């Protein structure tokens, strides 16, 4: 799903902030990024430190630019990390998951 346009005429200052996202507690999707509970399920671009867990779905391939630190990582699809990955909690690879560190 490509994000084409966000209508902001009802937002007073045209800024989209976390406080202005209506989340009913079950999560939300913004472009190709899906947030459910306390997990992000796509790594389209990344900071050097994640505050949420990373889950790579079975039908997805994800690339992360390291060095990067993430609390917990679950890999059911394909995860490629450039240079360095630090996991402070659990790193789980599913039966069909693939994990590569490059560089």
PDB file of N, CA and C in Angstrom:
ATOM      1  N   UNK A   1       0.843  -1.166   0.000  1.00  0.00           N
ATOM      2  CA  UNK A   1       0.000   0.000   0.000  1.00  0.00           C
ATOM      3  C   UNK A   1       0.888   1.229   0.000  1.00  0.00           C
ATOM      4  N   UNK A   2       0.732   2.066  -0.981  1.00  0.00           N
ATOM      5  CA  UNK A   2       1.509   3.300  -1.051  1.00  0.00           C
ATOM      6  C   UNK A   2       0.707   4.445  -0.454  1.00  0.00           C
ATOM      7  N   UNK A   3       1.396   5.282   0.282  1.00  0.00           N
ATOM      8  CA  UNK A   3       0.761   6.448   0.877  1.00  0.00           C
ATOM      9  C   UNK A   3       0.840   7.578  -0.134  1.00  0.00           C
ATOM     10  N   UNK A   4      -0.307   8.027  -0.640  1.00  0.00           N
ATOM     11  CA  UNK A   4      -0.331   9.044  -1.669  1.00  0.00           C
ATOM     12  C   UNK A   4      -0.577  10.440  -1.125  1.00  0.00           C
ATOM     13  N   UNK A   5      -1.545  10.584  -0.207  1.00  0.00           N
ATOM     14  CA  UNK A   5      -1.914  11.921   0.246  1.00  0.00           C
ATOM     15  C   UNK A   5      -2.595  11.829   1.598  1.00  0.00           C
ATOM     16  N   UNK A   6      -2.264  12.735   2.456  1.00  0.00           N
ATOM     17  CA  UNK A   6      -2.927  12.825   3.747  1.00  0.00           C
ATOM     18  C   UNK A   6      -3.690  14.142   3.773  1.00  0.00           C
ATOM     19  N   UNK A   7      -4.974  14.064   4.016  1.00  0.00           N
ATOM     20  CA  UNK A   7      -5.798  15.270   4.089  1.00  0.00           C
ATOM     21  C   UNK A   7      -5.585  15.916   5.444  1.00  0.00           C
ATOM     22  N   UNK A   8      -5.126  17.162   5.443  1.00  0.00           N
ATOM     23  CA  UNK A   8      -4.812  17.842   6.701  1.00  0.00           C
ATOM     24  C   UNK A   8      -5.635  19.106   6.924  1.00  0.00           C
ATOM     25  N   UNK A   9      -6.667  19.329   6.119  1.00  0.00           N
ATOM     26  CA  UNK A   9      -7.413  20.582   6.271  1.00  0.00           C
ATOM     27  C   UNK A   9      -8.161  20.677   7.595  1.00  0.00           C
ATOM     28  N   UNK A  10      -8.418  19.522   8.243  1.00  0.00           N
ATOM     29  CA  UNK A  10      -9.099  19.580   9.533  1.00  0.00           C
ATOM     30  C   UNK A  10      -8.115  19.635  10.706  1.00  0.00           C
ATOM     31  N   UNK A  11      -6.833  19.584  10.410  1.00  0.00           N
ATOM     32  CA  UNK A  11      -5.815  19.718  11.446  1.00  0.00           C
ATOM     33  C   UNK A  11      -5.366  21.172  11.446  1.00  0.00           C
ATOM     34  N   UNK A  12      -5.530  21.840  12.550  1.00  0.00           N
ATOM     35  CA  UNK A  12      -5.323  23.277  12.637  1.00  0.00           C
ATOM     36  C   UNK A  12      -3.987  23.737  12.073  1.00  0.00           C
ATOM     37  N   UNK A  13      -2.892  23.110  12.496  1.00  0.00           N
ATOM     38  CA  UNK A  13      -1.575  23.590  12.063  1.00  0.00           C
ATOM     39  C   UNK A  13      -0.925  22.699  11.010  1.00  0.00           C
ATOM     40  N   UNK A  14      -1.683  21.791  10.390  1.00  0.00           N
ATOM     41  CA  UNK A  14      -1.206  20.860   9.368  1.00  0.00           C
ATOM     42  C   UNK A  14      -0.102  19.929   9.847  1.00  0.00           C
ATOM     43  N   UNK A  15       0.142  19.851  11.138  1.00  0.00           N
ATOM     44  CA  UNK A  15       1.151  18.942  11.666  1.00  0.00           C
ATOM     45  C   UNK A  15       0.486  17.647  12.097  1.00  0.00           C
ATOM     46  N   UNK A  16       1.072  16.532  11.719  1.00  0.00           N
ATOM     47  CA  UNK A  16       0.561  15.237  12.141  1.00  0.00           C
ATOM     48  C   UNK A  16       1.434  14.767  13.289  1.00  0.00           C
ATOM     49  N   UNK A  17       0.846  14.628  14.456  1.00  0.00           N
ATOM     50  CA  UNK A  17       1.578  14.208  15.643  1.00  0.00           C
ATOM     51  C   UNK A  17       0.891  12.992  16.250  1.00  0.00           C
ATOM     52  N   UNK A  18       1.584  12.305  17.160  1.00  0.00           N
ATOM     53  CA  UNK A  18       1.016  11.125  17.812  1.00  0.00           C
ATOM     54  C   UNK A  18      -0.290  11.471  18.517  1.00  0.00           C
ATOM     55  N   UNK A  19      -0.372  12.677  19.064  1.00  0.00           N
ATOM     56  CA  UNK A  19      -1.578  13.079  19.778  1.00  0.00           C
ATOM     57  C   UNK A  19      -2.778  13.222  18.842  1.00  0.00           C
ATOM     58  N   UNK A  20      -2.536  13.397  17.555  1.00  0.00           N
ATOM     59  CA  UNK A  20      -3.617  13.589  16.592  1.00  0.00           C
ATOM     60  C   UNK A  20      -3.992  12.308  15.855  1.00  0.00           C
ATOM     61  N   UNK A  21      -3.317  11.190  16.155  1.00  0.00           N
ATOM     62  CA  UNK A  21      -3.657   9.917  15.539  1.00  0.00           C
ATOM     63  C   UNK A  21      -4.688   9.229  16.425  1.00  0.00           C
ATOM     64  N   UNK A  22      -5.826   8.888  15.846  1.00  0.00           N
ATOM     65  CA  UNK A  22      -6.891   8.240  16.601  1.00  0.00           C
ATOM     66  C   UNK A  22      -6.643   6.741  16.590  1.00  0.00           C
ATOM     67  N   UNK A  23      -6.201   6.207  17.704  1.00  0.00           N
ATOM     68  CA  UNK A  23      -5.912   4.786  17.842  1.00  0.00           C
ATOM     69  C   UNK A  23      -6.876   4.185  18.855  1.00  0.00           C
ATOM     70  N   UNK A  24      -7.638   3.188  18.434  1.00  0.00           N
ATOM     71  CA  UNK A  24      -8.617   2.575  19.332  1.00  0.00           C
ATOM     72  C   UNK A  24      -8.007   1.499  20.229  1.00  0.00           C
ATOM     73  N   UNK A  25      -6.688   1.384  20.218  1.00  0.00           N
ATOM     74  CA  UNK A  25      -6.017   0.403  21.057  1.00  0.00           C
ATOM     75  C   UNK A  25      -5.657  -0.880  20.338  1.00  0.00           C
ATOM     76  N   UNK A  26      -6.197  -1.074  19.134  1.00  0.00           N
ATOM     77  CA  UNK A  26      -5.887  -2.288  18.379  1.00  0.00           C
ATOM     78  C   UNK A  26      -4.764  -2.057  17.381  1.00  0.00           C
ATOM     79  N   UNK A  27      -4.277  -0.824  17.275  1.00  0.00           N
ATOM     80  CA  UNK A  27      -3.192  -0.504  16.354  1.00  0.00           C
ATOM     81  C   UNK A  27      -3.673   0.332  15.188  1.00  0.00           C
ATOM     82  N   UNK A  28      -2.736   0.704  14.333  1.00  0.00           N
ATOM     83  CA  UNK A  28      -3.055   1.501  13.160  1.00  0.00           C
ATOM     84  C   UNK A  28      -2.003   1.286  12.087  1.00  0.00           C
ATOM     85  N   UNK A  29      -2.351   1.645  10.845  1.00  0.00           N
ATOM     86  CA  UNK A  29      -1.428   1.553   9.714  1.00  0.00           C
ATOM     87  C   UNK A  29      -1.223   2.941   9.143  1.00  0.00           C
ATOM     88  N   UNK A  30       0.032   3.287   8.912  1.00  0.00           N
ATOM     89  CA  UNK A  30       0.387   4.574   8.321  1.00  0.00           C
ATOM     90  C   UNK A  30       1.342   4.267   7.176  1.00  0.00           C
ATOM     91  N   UNK A  31       0.856   4.375   5.937  1.00  0.00           N
ATOM     92  CA  UNK A  31       1.678   3.981   4.792  1.00  0.00           C
ATOM     93  C   UNK A  31       1.943   2.486   4.861  1.00  0.00           C
ATOM     94  N   UNK A  32       3.210   2.081   4.790  1.00  0.00           N
ATOM     95  CA  UNK A  32       3.585   0.676   4.863  1.00  0.00           C
ATOM     96  C   UNK A  32       3.963   0.260   6.278  1.00  0.00           C
ATOM     97  N   UNK A  33       3.797   1.140   7.255  1.00  0.00           N
ATOM     98  CA  UNK A  33       4.172   0.861   8.632  1.00  0.00           C
ATOM     99  C   UNK A  33       2.934   0.523   9.440  1.00  0.00           C
ATOM    100  N   UNK A  34       2.939  -0.643  10.075  1.00  0.00           N
ATOM    101  CA  UNK A  34       1.805  -1.064  10.899  1.00  0.00           C
ATOM    102  C   UNK A  34       2.243  -1.118  12.345  1.00  0.00           C
ATOM    103  N   UNK A  35       1.483  -0.459  13.207  1.00  0.00           N
ATOM    104  CA  UNK A  35       1.770  -0.477  14.630  1.00  0.00           C
ATOM    105  C   UNK A  35       0.619  -1.193  15.320  1.00  0.00           C
ATOM    106  N   UNK A  36       0.936  -2.268  16.062  1.00  0.00           N
ATOM    107  CA  UNK A  36      -0.078  -2.986  16.824  1.00  0.00           C
ATOM    108  C   UNK A  36       0.431  -3.144  18.237  1.00  0.00           C
ATOM    109  N   UNK A  37      -0.318  -2.639  19.183  1.00  0.00           N
ATOM    110  CA  UNK A  37       0.114  -2.716  20.574  1.00  0.00           C
ATOM    111  C   UNK A  37       1.421  -1.984  20.764  1.00  0.00           C
ATOM    112  N   UNK A  38       2.456  -2.717  21.138  1.00  0.00           N
ATOM    113  CA  UNK A  38       3.752  -2.092  21.361  1.00  0.00           C
ATOM    114  C   UNK A  38       4.779  -2.550  20.347  1.00  0.00           C
ATOM    115  N   UNK A  39       4.333  -3.018  19.178  1.00  0.00           N
ATOM    116  CA  UNK A  39       5.260  -3.541  18.170  1.00  0.00           C
ATOM    117  C   UNK A  39       5.117  -2.809  16.848  1.00  0.00           C
ATOM    118  N   UNK A  40       6.236  -2.605  16.185  1.00  0.00           N
ATOM    119  CA  UNK A  40       6.257  -2.096  14.819  1.00  0.00           C
ATOM    120  C   UNK A  40       6.503  -3.295  13.921  1.00  0.00           C
ATOM    121  N   UNK A  41       5.711  -3.450  12.855  1.00  0.00           N
ATOM    122  CA  UNK A  41       5.849  -4.631  12.020  1.00  0.00           C
ATOM    123  C   UNK A  41       6.485  -4.347  10.666  1.00  0.00           C
ATOM    124  N   UNK A  42       7.235  -3.281  10.551  1.00  0.00           N
ATOM    125  CA  UNK A  42       7.996  -3.028   9.333  1.00  0.00           C
ATOM    126  C   UNK A  42       9.136  -2.090   9.667  1.00  0.00           C
ATOM    127  N   UNK A  43      10.273  -2.282   9.047  1.00  0.00           N
ATOM    128  CA  UNK A  43      11.421  -1.415   9.265  1.00  0.00           C
ATOM    129  C   UNK A  43      11.818  -0.694   7.999  1.00  0.00           C
ATOM    130  N   UNK A  44      10.952   0.196   7.509  1.00  0.00           N
ATOM    131  CA  UNK A  44      11.213   0.867   6.248  1.00  0.00           C
ATOM    132  C   UNK A  44      12.334   1.884   6.353  1.00  0.00           C
ATOM    133  N   UNK A  45      12.510   2.501   7.472  1.00  0.00           N
ATOM    134  CA  UNK A  45      13.662   3.345   7.789  1.00  0.00           C
ATOM    135  C   UNK A  45      13.830   3.272   9.291  1.00  0.00           C
ATOM    136  N   UNK A  46      15.025   3.529   9.779  1.00  0.00           N
ATOM    137  CA  UNK A  46      15.181   3.288  11.202  1.00  0.00           C
ATOM    138  C   UNK A  46      16.118   4.274  11.886  1.00  0.00           C
ATOM    139  N   UNK A  47      15.843   4.482  13.166  1.00  0.00           N
ATOM    140  CA  UNK A  47      16.736   5.205  14.059  1.00  0.00           C
ATOM    141  C   UNK A  47      17.796   4.224  14.538  1.00  0.00           C
ATOM    142  N   UNK A  48      18.773   4.690  15.266  1.00  0.00           N
ATOM    143  CA  UNK A  48      19.798   3.791  15.784  1.00  0.00           C
ATOM    144  C   UNK A  48      19.316   3.027  17.013  1.00  0.00           C
ATOM    145  N   UNK A  49      18.240   3.501  17.660  1.00  0.00           N
ATOM    146  CA  UNK A  49      17.671   2.806  18.812  1.00  0.00           C
ATOM    147  C   UNK A  49      16.154   2.747  18.673  1.00  0.00           C
ATOM    148  N   UNK A  50      15.607   1.527  18.689  1.00  0.00           N
ATOM    149  CA  UNK A  50      14.158   1.329  18.673  1.00  0.00           C
ATOM    150  C   UNK A  50      13.664   1.295  20.106  1.00  0.00           C
ATOM    151  N   UNK A  51      12.491   1.848  20.359  1.00  0.00           N
ATOM    152  CA  UNK A  51      11.861   1.722  21.665  1.00  0.00           C
ATOM    153  C   UNK A  51      10.785   0.645  21.647  1.00  0.00           C
ATOM    154  N   UNK A  52      10.394   0.195  20.449  1.00  0.00           N
ATOM    155  CA  UNK A  52       9.387  -0.850  20.285  1.00  0.00           C
ATOM    156  C   UNK A  52      10.028  -2.097  19.702  1.00  0.00           C
ATOM    157  N   UNK A  53       9.358  -3.222  19.833  1.00  0.00           N
ATOM    158  CA  UNK A  53       9.829  -4.483  19.270  1.00  0.00           C
ATOM    159  C   UNK A  53       9.687  -4.480  17.757  1.00  0.00           C
ATOM    160  N   UNK A  54      10.500  -5.295  17.083  1.00  0.00           N
ATOM    161  CA  UNK A  54      10.420  -5.451  15.628  1.00  0.00           C
ATOM    162  C   UNK A  54       9.937  -6.851  15.318  1.00  0.00           C
ATOM    163  N   UNK A  55       8.885  -6.951  14.494  1.00  0.00           N
ATOM    164  CA  UNK A  55       8.396  -8.236  13.999  1.00  0.00           C
ATOM    165  C   UNK A  55       8.396  -8.180  12.479  1.00  0.00           C
ATOM    166  N   UNK A  56       9.104  -9.126  11.855  1.00  0.00           N
ATOM    167  CA  UNK A  56       9.124  -9.229  10.400  1.00  0.00           C
ATOM    168  C   UNK A  56       8.134 -10.330  10.020  1.00  0.00           C
ATOM    169  N   UNK A  57       7.066  -9.961   9.331  1.00  0.00           N
ATOM    170  CA  UNK A  57       6.015 -10.910   8.953  1.00  0.00           C
ATOM    171  C   UNK A  57       6.540 -11.920   7.937  1.00  0.00           C
ATOM    172  N   UNK A  58       5.890 -13.068   7.868  1.00  0.00           N
ATOM    173  CA  UNK A  58       6.317 -14.156   6.986  1.00  0.00           C
ATOM    174  C   UNK A  58       6.348 -13.744   5.521  1.00  0.00           C
ATOM    175  N   UNK A  59       5.531 -12.799   5.137  1.00  0.00           N
ATOM    176  CA  UNK A  59       5.465 -12.375   3.733  1.00  0.00           C
ATOM    177  C   UNK A  59       6.293 -11.131   3.440  1.00  0.00           C
ATOM    178  N   UNK A  60       7.167 -10.727   4.378  1.00  0.00           N
ATOM    179  CA  UNK A  60       7.923  -9.487   4.215  1.00  0.00           C
ATOM    180  C   UNK A  60       9.437  -9.723   4.233  1.00  0.00           C
ATOM    181  N   UNK A  61      10.135  -8.823   3.556  1.00  0.00           N
ATOM    182  CA  UNK A  61      11.594  -8.721   3.643  1.00  0.00           C
ATOM    183  C   UNK A  61      11.902  -7.335   4.174  1.00  0.00           C
ATOM    184  N   UNK A  62      12.793  -7.245   5.157  1.00  0.00           N
ATOM    185  CA  UNK A  62      13.107  -5.978   5.809  1.00  0.00           C
ATOM    186  C   UNK A  62      14.606  -5.769   5.832  1.00  0.00           C
ATOM    187  N   UNK A  63      15.026  -4.529   5.591  1.00  0.00           N
ATOM    188  CA  UNK A  63      16.430  -4.150   5.686  1.00  0.00           C
ATOM    189  C   UNK A  63      16.553  -3.069   6.748  1.00  0.00           C
ATOM    190  N   UNK A  64      17.494  -3.251   7.675  1.00  0.00           N
ATOM    191  CA  UNK A  64      17.769  -2.257   8.711  1.00  0.00           C
ATOM    192  C   UNK A  64      19.205  -1.782   8.561  1.00  0.00           C
ATOM    193  N   UNK A  65      19.411  -0.487   8.715  1.00  0.00           N
ATOM    194  CA  UNK A  65      20.757   0.079   8.679  1.00  0.00           C
ATOM    195  C   UNK A  65      21.307   0.129  10.094  1.00  0.00           C
ATOM    196  N   UNK A  66      22.415  -0.547  10.321  1.00  0.00           N
ATOM    197  CA  UNK A  66      23.024  -0.575  11.642  1.00  0.00           C
ATOM    198  C   UNK A  66      24.169   0.403  11.743  1.00  0.00           C
ATOM    199  N   UNK A  67      24.710   0.536  12.924  1.00  0.00           N
ATOM    200  CA  UNK A  67      24.309  -0.214  14.101  1.00  0.00           C
ATOM    201  C   UNK A  67      22.932   0.223  14.600  1.00  0.00           C
ATOM    202  N   UNK A  68      22.162  -0.768  15.059  1.00  0.00           N
ATOM    203  CA  UNK A  68      20.816  -0.509  15.548  1.00  0.00           C
ATOM    204  C   UNK A  68      20.569  -1.376  16.779  1.00  0.00           C
ATOM    205  N   UNK A  69      19.867  -0.803  17.770  1.00  0.00           N
ATOM    206  CA  UNK A  69      19.516  -1.513  18.998  1.00  0.00           C
ATOM    207  C   UNK A  69      18.003  -1.625  19.076  1.00  0.00           C
ATOM    208  N   UNK A  70      17.504  -2.858  19.324  1.00  0.00           N
ATOM    209  CA  UNK A  70      16.071  -3.138  19.358  1.00  0.00           C
ATOM    210  C   UNK A  70      15.783  -4.007  20.576  1.00  0.00           C
ATOM    211  N   UNK A  71      14.687  -3.719  21.307  1.00  0.00           N
ATOM    212  CA  UNK A  71      14.392  -4.522  22.502  1.00  0.00           C
ATOM    213  C   UNK A  71      14.212  -6.018  22.203  1.00  0.00           C
ATOM    214  N   UNK A  72      13.291  -6.367  21.315  1.00  0.00           N
ATOM    215  CA  UNK A  72      13.013  -7.764  20.962  1.00  0.00           C
ATOM    216  C   UNK A  72      12.767  -7.851  19.465  1.00  0.00           C
ATOM    217  N   UNK A  73      13.274  -8.926  18.842  1.00  0.00           N
ATOM    218  CA  UNK A  73      13.123  -9.106  17.402  1.00  0.00           C
ATOM    219  C   UNK A  73      12.527 -10.485  17.141  1.00  0.00           C
ATOM    220  N   UNK A  74      11.462 -10.515  16.319  1.00  0.00           N
ATOM    221  CA  UNK A  74      10.862 -11.766  15.870  1.00  0.00           C
ATOM    222  C   UNK A  74      10.928 -11.791  14.351  1.00  0.00           C
ATOM    223  N   UNK A  75      11.530 -12.844  13.796  1.00  0.00           N
ATOM    224  CA  UNK A  75      11.741 -12.929  12.350  1.00  0.00           C
ATOM    225  C   UNK A  75      10.964 -14.123  11.800  1.00  0.00           C
ATOM    226  N   UNK A  76       9.907 -13.834  11.063  1.00  0.00           N
ATOM    227  CA  UNK A  76       9.142 -14.880  10.383  1.00  0.00           C
ATOM    228  C   UNK A  76       9.347 -14.809   8.877  1.00  0.00           C
ATOM    229  N   UNK A  77       9.872 -13.687   8.402  1.00  0.00           N
ATOM    230  CA  UNK A  77      10.181 -13.482   6.989  1.00  0.00           C
ATOM    231  C   UNK A  77      11.680 -13.373   6.813  1.00  0.00           C
ATOM    232  N   UNK A  78      12.128 -12.337   6.090  1.00  0.00           N
ATOM    233  CA  UNK A  78      13.545 -12.136   5.807  1.00  0.00           C
ATOM    234  C   UNK A  78      14.017 -10.826   6.416  1.00  0.00           C
ATOM    235  N   UNK A  79      15.064 -10.878   7.236  1.00  0.00           N
ATOM    236  CA  UNK A  79      15.648  -9.680   7.841  1.00  0.00           C
ATOM    237  C   UNK A  79      17.114  -9.590   7.445  1.00  0.00           C
ATOM    238  N   UNK A  80      17.486  -8.467   6.846  1.00  0.00           N
ATOM    239  CA  UNK A  80      18.871  -8.172   6.503  1.00  0.00           C
ATOM    240  C   UNK A  80      19.291  -6.930   7.275  1.00  0.00           C
ATOM    241  N   UNK A  81      20.401  -7.023   7.988  1.00  0.00           N
ATOM    242  CA  UNK A  81      20.903  -5.914   8.792  1.00  0.00           C
ATOM    243  C   UNK A  81      22.270  -5.517   8.249  1.00  0.00           C
ATOM    244  N   UNK A  82      22.447  -4.225   8.025  1.00  0.00           N
ATOM    245  CA  UNK A  82      23.738  -3.710   7.569  1.00  0.00           C
ATOM    246  C   UNK A  82      24.597  -3.374   8.781  1.00  0.00           C
ATOM    247  N   UNK A  83      25.688  -3.986   8.937  1.00  0.00           N
ATOM    248  CA  UNK A  83      26.752  -3.846   9.933  1.00  0.00           C
ATOM    249  C   UNK A  83      26.476  -4.475  11.290  1.00  0.00           C
ATOM    250  N   UNK A  84      25.564  -3.946  12.116  1.00  0.00           N
ATOM    251  CA  UNK A  84      25.483  -4.410  13.504  1.00  0.00           C
ATOM    252  C   UNK A  84      24.066  -4.331  14.043  1.00  0.00           C
ATOM    253  N   UNK A  85      23.645  -5.407  14.755  1.00  0.00           N
ATOM    254  CA  UNK A  85      22.344  -5.460  15.419  1.00  0.00           C
ATOM    255  C   UNK A  85      22.560  -5.805  16.883  1.00  0.00           C
ATOM    256  N   UNK A  86      22.024  -4.971  17.781  1.00  0.00           N
ATOM    257  CA  UNK A  86      22.060  -5.233  19.219  1.00  0.00           C
ATOM    258  C   UNK A  86      20.632  -5.470  19.674  1.00  0.00           C
ATOM    259  N   UNK A  87      20.370  -6.666  20.222  1.00  0.00           N
ATOM    260  CA  UNK A  87      19.048  -7.016  20.737  1.00  0.00           C
ATOM    261  C   UNK A  87      19.169  -7.111  22.246  1.00  0.00           C
ATOM    262  N   UNK A  88      18.418  -6.266  22.956  1.00  0.00           N
ATOM    263  CA  UNK A  88      18.526  -6.224  24.418  1.00  0.00           C
ATOM    264  C   UNK A  88      17.663  -7.280  25.105  1.00  0.00           C
ATOM    265  N   UNK A  89      16.738  -7.880  24.362  1.00  0.00           N
ATOM    266  CA  UNK A  89      15.853  -8.906  24.913  1.00  0.00           C
ATOM    267  C   UNK A  89      16.004 -10.198  24.149  1.00  0.00           C
ATOM    268  N   UNK A  90      14.914 -10.608  23.479  1.00  0.00           N
ATOM    269  CA  UNK A  90      14.888 -11.883  22.758  1.00  0.00           C
ATOM    270  C   UNK A  90      14.993 -11.693  21.259  1.00  0.00           C
ATOM    271  N   UNK A  91      15.718 -12.608  20.611  1.00  0.00           N
ATOM    272  CA  UNK A  91      15.796 -12.691  19.149  1.00  0.00           C
ATOM    273  C   UNK A  91      15.233 -14.048  18.768  1.00  0.00           C
ATOM    274  N   UNK A  92      14.044 -14.058  18.153  1.00  0.00           N
ATOM    275  CA  UNK A  92      13.372 -15.297  17.773  1.00  0.00           C
ATOM    276  C   UNK A  92      13.256 -15.374  16.259  1.00  0.00           C
ATOM    277  N   UNK A  93      13.719 -16.501  15.694  1.00  0.00           N
ATOM    278  CA  UNK A  93      13.604 -16.733  14.262  1.00  0.00           C
ATOM    279  C   UNK A  93      12.633 -17.884  14.052  1.00  0.00           C
ATOM    280  N   UNK A  94      11.547 -17.625  13.311  1.00  0.00           N
ATOM    281  CA  UNK A  94      10.547 -18.653  13.030  1.00  0.00           C
ATOM    282  C   UNK A  94      11.094 -19.724  12.107  1.00  0.00           C
ATOM    283  N   UNK A  95      10.310 -20.780  11.909  1.00  0.00           N
ATOM    284  CA  UNK A  95      10.733 -21.927  11.094  1.00  0.00           C
ATOM    285  C   UNK A  95      11.115 -21.524   9.673  1.00  0.00           C
ATOM    286  N   UNK A  96      10.463 -20.515   9.125  1.00  0.00           N
ATOM    287  CA  UNK A  96      10.760 -20.060   7.760  1.00  0.00           C
ATOM    288  C   UNK A  96      11.437 -18.702   7.734  1.00  0.00           C
ATOM    289  N   UNK A  97      11.914 -18.229   8.885  1.00  0.00           N
ATOM    290  CA  UNK A  97      12.585 -16.940   8.965  1.00  0.00           C
ATOM    291  C   UNK A  97      14.019 -17.010   8.466  1.00  0.00           C
ATOM    292  N   UNK A  98      14.492 -15.887   7.931  1.00  0.00           N
ATOM    293  CA  UNK A  98      15.861 -15.789   7.412  1.00  0.00           C
ATOM    294  C   UNK A  98      16.491 -14.522   7.972  1.00  0.00           C
ATOM    295  N   UNK A  99      17.729 -14.627   8.465  1.00  0.00           N
ATOM    296  CA  UNK A  99      18.400 -13.513   9.143  1.00  0.00           C
ATOM    297  C   UNK A  99      19.833 -13.411   8.635  1.00  0.00           C
ATOM    298  N   UNK A 100      20.194 -12.241   8.125  1.00  0.00           N
ATOM    299  CA  UNK A 100      21.550 -11.999   7.622  1.00  0.00           C
ATOM    300  C   UNK A 100      22.089 -10.687   8.154  1.00  0.00           C
ATOM    301  N   UNK A 101      23.351 -10.691   8.587  1.00  0.00           N
ATOM    302  CA  UNK A 101      24.046  -9.451   8.916  1.00  0.00           C
ATOM    303  C   UNK A 101      25.117  -9.275   7.845  1.00  0.00           C
ATOM    304  N   UNK A 102      25.098  -8.108   7.208  1.00  0.00           N
ATOM    305  CA  UNK A 102      25.992  -7.830   6.094  1.00  0.00           C
ATOM    306  C   UNK A 102      26.948  -6.725   6.483  1.00  0.00           C
ATOM    307  N   UNK A 103      28.245  -6.959   6.313  1.00  0.00           N
ATOM    308  CA  UNK A 103      29.237  -5.916   6.559  1.00  0.00           C
ATOM    309  C   UNK A 103      29.921  -5.957   7.834  1.00  0.00           C
TER     310      UNK A 103
END
